[in-house]
Protein backbone atom coordinates (compact mmCIF):
# COMPACT_ATOMS: atom_id res chain seq x y z
CA MET A 1 -1.33 8.56 2.06
CA ASP A 2 1.11 10.92 0.32
CA ILE A 3 4.50 11.36 2.08
CA SER A 4 4.29 15.17 1.84
CA TYR A 5 0.91 14.98 3.69
CA VAL A 6 2.33 12.81 6.44
CA ILE A 7 5.35 15.18 6.84
CA SER A 8 2.97 18.18 7.11
CA GLU A 9 0.71 16.49 9.65
CA LEU A 10 3.67 15.43 11.82
CA GLU A 11 5.34 18.87 11.71
CA ALA A 12 1.99 20.57 12.63
CA GLY A 13 1.50 18.11 15.56
CA ARG A 14 -1.90 17.20 14.26
CA ARG A 15 -1.15 13.52 14.04
CA GLN A 16 1.07 10.73 15.04
CA PHE A 17 2.02 7.79 12.90
CA PHE A 18 3.31 4.35 13.97
CA VAL A 19 4.36 1.12 12.25
CA VAL A 20 4.82 -2.25 13.79
CA VAL A 21 8.39 -3.48 13.69
CA ASP A 22 9.18 -6.98 15.08
CA GLY A 23 5.97 -6.89 17.19
CA GLN A 24 6.73 -3.37 18.62
CA ALA A 25 5.14 -0.04 17.76
CA ALA A 26 7.69 2.35 16.24
CA GLU A 27 6.85 6.02 15.89
CA VAL A 28 7.38 7.63 12.56
CA ALA A 29 9.13 11.01 12.54
CA VAL A 30 10.39 13.61 10.06
CA ALA A 31 14.02 13.74 9.45
CA LYS A 32 16.25 16.00 7.21
CA THR A 33 19.22 15.21 5.00
CA PRO A 34 22.18 17.66 5.36
CA ASP A 35 20.82 19.47 2.25
CA GLY A 36 17.41 20.05 3.85
CA HIS A 37 15.39 17.35 2.04
CA LYS A 38 12.72 15.91 4.49
CA TYR A 39 11.93 12.23 4.74
CA LEU A 40 10.20 9.89 7.11
CA LYS A 41 12.03 7.54 9.43
CA THR A 42 11.20 5.48 12.62
CA ALA A 43 12.93 5.76 15.91
CA CYS A 44 14.14 2.16 15.29
CA ASP A 45 16.04 3.01 12.12
CA THR A 46 19.69 2.27 12.09
CA PRO A 47 22.20 2.97 9.42
CA ALA A 48 21.90 -0.66 8.27
CA VAL A 49 18.18 -1.08 8.40
CA ASP A 50 15.38 1.30 7.21
CA TYR A 51 12.20 -0.07 8.78
CA LEU A 52 9.78 1.90 6.55
CA LEU A 53 11.40 0.50 3.41
CA SER A 54 11.13 -3.03 4.76
CA LEU A 55 7.45 -2.84 5.16
CA PRO A 56 5.12 -4.61 2.51
CA GLU A 57 3.76 -2.20 -0.10
CA CYS A 58 0.22 -1.06 0.45
CA GLN A 59 -2.50 -2.45 -1.75
């Protein structure tokens, strides 16, 4: 799935997305940088760990 598609679906409230982190479901959310760039993050993300980036690549 394209990131822009996921962002639009989340913002429209049409879908929810989750990833499994350490055996727990973590909801994916849209976040914004100070300059307005939108990106995906999970509720579990910390400044030291980005859980989405730690997932294996899709095949």
